[in-house]
Each structure stands twice: as structure tokens, then as C-alpha cells.
Amino acid sequence: MAHSLFSISLTTRQILPFYEGSKRRIVVKTERGTTISLPWSVLQPYVTDYGLTGSFVITYDAAGKWKEIRKL
């Protein structure tokens, strides 16, 4: 299956607009340089008291749509 890797580091202040509802999607750049727009809801489970930090892998289905996201 196809996959993409990316890393992200956002403080609690930077993610506040997502919780306030003024932003609904987050744009990340993969290690290969591809830009991906994801719904905030897929990354929300990984938020801690310190923000959102880590490396993630996105797996795609045969149609090229994201199937799952997993923190590494």
C-alpha cells in the first residue's frame, strides 16, 4: 500500500484556531515534499497538553484516499 510520512510540531497556541472552529483542515508537507490537506479530526486524537508533536505515517487505499494515520 502507498504511504506518506510527515512530522509536525505545533504548540497549544497554534492549534487553538482548530478548537475554536476557525480552521477545519491542516496542511502538512511530507518527507517527499508533497503537500497534503487533512481534516483536523484525524490528528486531534494525538494532541497533548503540550500541543501536537511527532512523526506520522498515512496509508492510502487503492483509490489513493487516506485509509489510516498512525503516529510513529
N, C-alpha and C. Protein backbone atom coordinates (compact mmCIF):
# COMPACT_ATOMS: atom_id res chain seq x y z
N MET A 1 0.83 -1.18 0.00
CA MET A 1 0.00 0.00 0.00
C MET A 1 0.88 1.25 0.00
N ALA A 2 0.38 2.28 -0.64
CA ALA A 2 1.10 3.55 -0.68
C ALA A 2 1.00 4.23 0.68
N HIS A 3 2.03 5.01 1.01
CA HIS A 3 2.01 5.73 2.27
C HIS A 3 2.82 7.01 2.15
N SER A 4 2.60 7.92 3.09
CA SER A 4 3.35 9.17 3.19
C SER A 4 3.77 9.36 4.63
N LEU A 5 4.95 9.94 4.81
CA LEU A 5 5.47 10.25 6.14
C LEU A 5 5.56 11.76 6.30
N PHE A 6 5.22 12.26 7.49
CA PHE A 6 5.40 13.67 7.78
C PHE A 6 5.62 13.86 9.27
N SER A 7 6.24 14.97 9.61
CA SER A 7 6.44 15.35 11.01
C SER A 7 5.76 16.68 11.24
N ILE A 8 5.33 16.89 12.47
CA ILE A 8 4.61 18.11 12.81
C ILE A 8 4.97 18.52 14.23
N SER A 9 4.99 19.82 14.46
CA SER A 9 5.24 20.34 15.80
C SER A 9 4.46 21.64 15.94
N LEU A 10 3.35 21.58 16.65
CA LEU A 10 2.50 22.75 16.87
C LEU A 10 2.27 22.93 18.36
N THR A 11 2.37 24.16 18.82
CA THR A 11 2.11 24.46 20.23
C THR A 11 0.60 24.51 20.47
N THR A 12 0.22 24.53 21.73
CA THR A 12 -1.20 24.64 22.05
C THR A 12 -1.79 25.94 21.51
N ARG A 13 -1.00 26.98 21.50
CA ARG A 13 -1.47 28.26 20.95
C ARG A 13 -1.71 28.15 19.44
N GLN A 14 -0.87 27.42 18.74
CA GLN A 14 -1.02 27.26 17.29
C GLN A 14 -2.22 26.40 16.91
N ILE A 15 -2.64 25.49 17.79
CA ILE A 15 -3.78 24.64 17.45
C ILE A 15 -5.11 25.21 17.94
N LEU A 16 -5.06 26.30 18.68
CA LEU A 16 -6.28 26.91 19.20
C LEU A 16 -7.32 27.22 18.11
N PRO A 17 -6.93 27.75 16.94
CA PRO A 17 -7.93 28.03 15.89
C PRO A 17 -8.72 26.79 15.45
N PHE A 18 -8.13 25.62 15.55
CA PHE A 18 -8.84 24.39 15.19
C PHE A 18 -9.93 24.08 16.21
N TYR A 19 -9.63 24.33 17.47
CA TYR A 19 -10.63 24.10 18.52
C TYR A 19 -11.71 25.17 18.52
N GLU A 20 -11.34 26.37 18.11
CA GLU A 20 -12.33 27.46 18.05
C GLU A 20 -13.22 27.34 16.82
N GLY A 21 -12.83 26.51 15.88
CA GLY A 21 -13.64 26.29 14.69
C GLY A 21 -13.31 27.18 13.51
N SER A 22 -12.33 28.07 13.65
CA SER A 22 -11.99 28.94 12.52
C SER A 22 -11.15 28.21 11.46
N LYS A 23 -10.57 27.08 11.84
CA LYS A 23 -9.84 26.23 10.88
C LYS A 23 -10.34 24.81 11.05
N ARG A 24 -10.51 24.12 9.92
CA ARG A 24 -11.01 22.74 9.96
C ARG A 24 -10.04 21.74 9.32
N ARG A 25 -9.09 22.26 8.54
CA ARG A 25 -8.14 21.39 7.86
C ARG A 25 -6.73 21.85 8.19
N ILE A 26 -5.83 20.89 8.18
CA ILE A 26 -4.43 21.19 8.44
C ILE A 26 -3.61 20.73 7.23
N VAL A 27 -2.67 21.56 6.81
CA VAL A 27 -1.84 21.26 5.65
C VAL A 27 -0.45 20.87 6.14
N VAL A 28 0.03 19.72 5.69
CA VAL A 28 1.35 19.23 6.07
C VAL A 28 2.16 18.93 4.81
N LYS A 29 3.47 18.96 4.96
CA LYS A 29 4.37 18.61 3.85
C LYS A 29 5.04 17.29 4.20
N THR A 30 4.94 16.34 3.29
CA THR A 30 5.54 15.02 3.52
C THR A 30 7.05 15.08 3.35
N GLU A 31 7.71 14.01 3.74
CA GLU A 31 9.16 13.94 3.59
C GLU A 31 9.59 13.97 2.13
N ARG A 32 8.68 13.64 1.22
CA ARG A 32 8.97 13.69 -0.22
C ARG A 32 8.65 15.05 -0.82
N GLY A 33 8.12 15.97 -0.01
CA GLY A 33 7.82 17.31 -0.48
C GLY A 33 6.40 17.52 -0.97
N THR A 34 5.57 16.50 -0.89
CA THR A 34 4.17 16.61 -1.30
C THR A 34 3.37 17.31 -0.20
N THR A 35 2.47 18.20 -0.59
CA THR A 35 1.60 18.87 0.36
C THR A 35 0.28 18.12 0.46
N ILE A 36 -0.15 17.87 1.70
CA ILE A 36 -1.39 17.14 1.95
C ILE A 36 -2.28 17.97 2.87
N SER A 37 -3.55 18.07 2.53
CA SER A 37 -4.54 18.74 3.37
C SER A 37 -5.39 17.67 4.05
N LEU A 38 -5.39 17.68 5.38
CA LEU A 38 -6.11 16.68 6.16
C LEU A 38 -7.17 17.34 7.03
N PRO A 39 -8.27 16.65 7.27
CA PRO A 39 -9.23 17.18 8.24
C PRO A 39 -8.59 17.17 9.64
N TRP A 40 -8.81 18.22 10.39
CA TRP A 40 -8.24 18.33 11.72
C TRP A 40 -8.59 17.13 12.59
N SER A 41 -9.76 16.59 12.40
CA SER A 41 -10.25 15.50 13.24
C SER A 41 -9.34 14.26 13.23
N VAL A 42 -8.57 14.05 12.16
CA VAL A 42 -7.70 12.86 12.12
C VAL A 42 -6.46 13.02 12.99
N LEU A 43 -6.05 14.26 13.25
CA LEU A 43 -4.88 14.50 14.10
C LEU A 43 -5.26 14.85 15.54
N GLN A 44 -6.48 15.22 15.75
CA GLN A 44 -6.93 15.65 17.08
C GLN A 44 -6.67 14.61 18.18
N PRO A 45 -6.80 13.31 17.93
CA PRO A 45 -6.53 12.34 19.00
C PRO A 45 -5.07 12.34 19.50
N TYR A 46 -4.17 12.93 18.74
CA TYR A 46 -2.75 12.93 19.10
C TYR A 46 -2.32 14.20 19.83
N VAL A 47 -3.26 15.10 20.09
CA VAL A 47 -2.95 16.34 20.80
C VAL A 47 -2.76 16.05 22.29
N THR A 48 -1.72 16.65 22.85
CA THR A 48 -1.45 16.53 24.29
C THR A 48 -1.57 17.91 24.93
N ASP A 49 -1.29 17.99 26.21
CA ASP A 49 -1.30 19.28 26.91
C ASP A 49 -0.23 20.22 26.36
N TYR A 50 0.73 19.69 25.63
CA TYR A 50 1.83 20.48 25.08
C TYR A 50 1.63 20.85 23.61
N GLY A 51 0.59 20.34 22.99
CA GLY A 51 0.33 20.62 21.58
C GLY A 51 0.28 19.34 20.76
N LEU A 52 0.73 19.46 19.53
CA LEU A 52 0.74 18.32 18.61
C LEU A 52 2.15 18.18 18.05
N THR A 53 2.82 17.11 18.42
CA THR A 53 4.20 16.89 18.01
C THR A 53 4.40 15.43 17.67
N GLY A 54 5.16 15.18 16.60
CA GLY A 54 5.51 13.81 16.28
C GLY A 54 5.64 13.56 14.80
N SER A 55 6.00 12.33 14.48
CA SER A 55 6.07 11.86 13.10
C SER A 55 4.91 10.91 12.87
N PHE A 56 4.34 10.98 11.68
CA PHE A 56 3.15 10.21 11.36
C PHE A 56 3.30 9.55 10.00
N VAL A 57 2.58 8.46 9.81
CA VAL A 57 2.51 7.80 8.51
C VAL A 57 1.03 7.73 8.12
N ILE A 58 0.76 8.09 6.88
CA ILE A 58 -0.59 7.99 6.32
C ILE A 58 -0.56 6.86 5.32
N THR A 59 -1.50 5.94 5.42
CA THR A 59 -1.63 4.84 4.48
C THR A 59 -2.83 5.12 3.58
N TYR A 60 -2.67 4.86 2.29
CA TYR A 60 -3.72 5.12 1.30
C TYR A 60 -4.32 3.82 0.79
N ASP A 61 -5.59 3.89 0.40
CA ASP A 61 -6.23 2.73 -0.22
C ASP A 61 -5.91 2.69 -1.71
N ALA A 62 -6.45 1.73 -2.42
CA ALA A 62 -6.16 1.57 -3.85
C ALA A 62 -6.62 2.77 -4.67
N ALA A 63 -7.62 3.50 -4.19
CA ALA A 63 -8.13 4.67 -4.90
C ALA A 63 -7.32 5.93 -4.59
N GLY A 64 -6.33 5.83 -3.70
CA GLY A 64 -5.49 6.97 -3.37
C GLY A 64 -6.04 7.84 -2.25
N LYS A 65 -7.09 7.40 -1.58
CA LYS A 65 -7.65 8.15 -0.46
C LYS A 65 -7.02 7.63 0.83
N TRP A 66 -6.83 8.53 1.80
CA TRP A 66 -6.18 8.09 3.02
C TRP A 66 -7.07 7.10 3.76
N LYS A 67 -6.43 6.07 4.22
CA LYS A 67 -7.13 4.98 4.89
C LYS A 67 -6.94 5.06 6.40
N GLU A 68 -5.70 5.30 6.82
CA GLU A 68 -5.42 5.42 8.25
C GLU A 68 -4.22 6.32 8.47
N ILE A 69 -4.15 6.86 9.66
CA ILE A 69 -2.99 7.65 10.07
C ILE A 69 -2.50 7.07 11.39
N ARG A 70 -1.19 7.00 11.51
CA ARG A 70 -0.61 6.37 12.70
C ARG A 70 0.61 7.17 13.13
N LYS A 71 0.73 7.39 14.44
CA LYS A 71 1.90 8.08 14.96
C LYS A 71 3.04 7.08 15.10
N LEU A 72 4.22 7.50 14.67
CA LEU A 72 5.41 6.64 14.76
C LEU A 72 6.12 6.83 16.08
